[in-house]
Each structure stands twice: as C-alpha cells, then as structure tokens.
C-alpha cells in the first residue's frame, strides 16, 4: 500500500513538472510534447525519471532523482526548476 501511495506522489509531481514546462514553453510561443522515462535500479525500485521535451524537431532532456521529483509534488522548485528552465532556454535558442 505504501508503495502505491509513493507512486501516486511521484506521478503527481511529474504532472506538476509537466504543467510547469508547458507554461514556460507558452511564454516563448512554443507548443511541445513532454515525455517521461522511469529509471529503475537493479532491484526494480523506481529511482528517478528522465524528462524529455520535444519542440519543432529539437529535443532536450534531463534526469532527476526520485527525491528531487517527489519534492515537486506541491510546487516545482530546486534542481528540477533549474533543469526545466535550462531545457526551455536550450530549445528557444
């Protein structure tokens, strides 16, 4: 049961990160797709995710640990926010 709740927190945080990315893309006049690839440790425990943004044939991706992602379940901040900003800037250049 606890694992299911932890996965729910993780997925909630990913949804919040996706919303943050979409909002920042709109500020630059872009529309793109956001995908996630789960990173699993050798014992099949979720250890993080790779976030990929695709806009007009360009892609940018960053990997974040599970702790970094789960800390964004209420508000995107810290290393994840810095990564999102750098990815959007990379795509807008």
Protein backbone atom coordinates (compact mmCIF):
# COMPACT_ATOMS: atom_id res chain seq x y z
CA UNK A 1 0.00 0.00 0.00
CA UNK A 2 2.78 2.42 0.88
CA UNK A 3 4.45 1.80 -2.48
CA UNK A 4 1.20 2.69 -4.25
CA UNK A 5 0.98 5.94 -2.28
CA UNK A 6 4.63 6.77 -3.07
CA UNK A 7 3.97 6.16 -6.77
CA UNK A 8 0.96 8.49 -6.55
CA UNK A 9 3.17 11.24 -5.07
CA UNK A 10 5.73 10.63 -7.80
CA UNK A 11 3.10 10.80 -10.57
CA UNK A 12 1.54 13.94 -9.03
CA UNK A 13 4.96 15.60 -9.04
CA UNK A 14 5.55 14.60 -12.68
CA UNK A 15 2.19 16.14 -13.63
CA UNK A 16 3.13 19.37 -11.84
CA UNK A 17 6.52 19.41 -13.63
CA UNK A 18 4.77 18.84 -16.98
CA UNK A 19 2.44 21.77 -16.26
CA UNK A 20 5.44 23.99 -15.39
CA UNK A 21 7.20 23.03 -18.63
CA UNK A 22 4.11 23.69 -20.75
CA UNK A 23 3.66 27.11 -19.11
CA UNK A 24 7.26 28.08 -19.78
CA UNK A 25 7.05 26.91 -23.40
CA UNK A 26 3.96 29.08 -23.95
CA UNK A 27 5.89 32.13 -22.71
CA UNK A 28 8.32 31.54 -25.61
CA UNK A 29 5.49 30.94 -28.09
CA UNK A 30 6.13 27.20 -28.33
CA UNK A 31 3.98 24.12 -28.12
CA UNK A 32 5.71 20.83 -27.50
CA UNK A 33 5.41 17.37 -26.07
CA UNK A 34 6.73 16.25 -22.71
CA UNK A 35 7.58 12.59 -22.07
CA UNK A 36 8.96 10.70 -19.09
CA UNK A 37 11.10 7.59 -18.88
CA UNK A 38 11.28 5.92 -15.47
CA UNK A 39 14.72 5.00 -14.19
CA UNK A 40 14.75 1.76 -12.20
CA UNK A 41 17.54 0.47 -10.00
CA UNK A 42 18.74 -3.12 -10.32
CA UNK A 43 16.17 -4.32 -7.77
CA UNK A 44 13.24 -2.87 -9.81
CA UNK A 45 12.74 0.07 -7.44
CA UNK A 46 11.94 3.39 -9.09
CA UNK A 47 14.94 5.67 -8.61
CA UNK A 48 14.01 8.64 -10.81
CA UNK A 49 12.91 9.75 -14.22
CA UNK A 50 14.23 11.31 -17.38
CA UNK A 51 12.13 14.22 -18.65
CA UNK A 52 12.26 14.92 -22.40
CA UNK A 53 10.81 17.96 -24.18
CA UNK A 54 10.34 17.97 -27.96
CA UNK A 55 9.66 21.25 -29.81
CA UNK A 56 9.90 21.81 -33.57
CA UNK A 57 12.21 18.85 -34.14
CA UNK A 58 14.53 19.77 -31.26
CA UNK A 59 14.72 17.79 -28.03
CA UNK A 60 16.16 18.42 -24.60
CA UNK A 61 16.26 16.01 -21.69
CA UNK A 62 17.36 15.89 -18.09
CA UNK A 63 17.36 13.15 -15.48
CA UNK A 64 16.16 13.76 -11.95
CA UNK A 65 16.25 11.53 -8.87
CA UNK A 66 13.10 10.30 -7.22
CA UNK A 67 13.68 12.60 -4.23
CA UNK A 68 14.05 15.66 -6.47
CA UNK A 69 10.86 14.80 -8.32
CA UNK A 70 8.79 13.99 -5.24
CA UNK A 71 9.82 17.29 -3.65
CA UNK A 72 7.89 18.99 -6.50
CA UNK A 73 4.51 17.44 -5.69
CA UNK A 74 3.26 20.76 -4.28
CA UNK A 75 5.39 23.26 -6.20
CA UNK A 76 8.21 22.88 -8.73
CA UNK A 77 11.47 24.20 -7.32
CA UNK A 78 15.12 23.49 -6.66
CA UNK A 79 17.17 21.42 -9.08
CA UNK A 80 14.09 20.43 -11.08
CA UNK A 81 13.07 24.04 -11.71
CA UNK A 82 16.63 24.90 -12.73
CA UNK A 83 16.63 21.93 -15.11
CA UNK A 84 13.27 22.91 -16.61
CA UNK A 85 14.44 26.50 -17.18
CA UNK A 86 17.68 25.34 -18.82
CA UNK A 87 15.85 22.89 -21.09
CA UNK A 88 13.37 25.54 -22.25
CA UNK A 89 16.21 28.04 -22.81
CA UNK A 90 18.11 25.39 -24.79
CA UNK A 91 15.10 24.82 -27.03
CA UNK A 92 14.39 28.50 -27.53
CA UNK A 93 17.95 29.34 -28.59
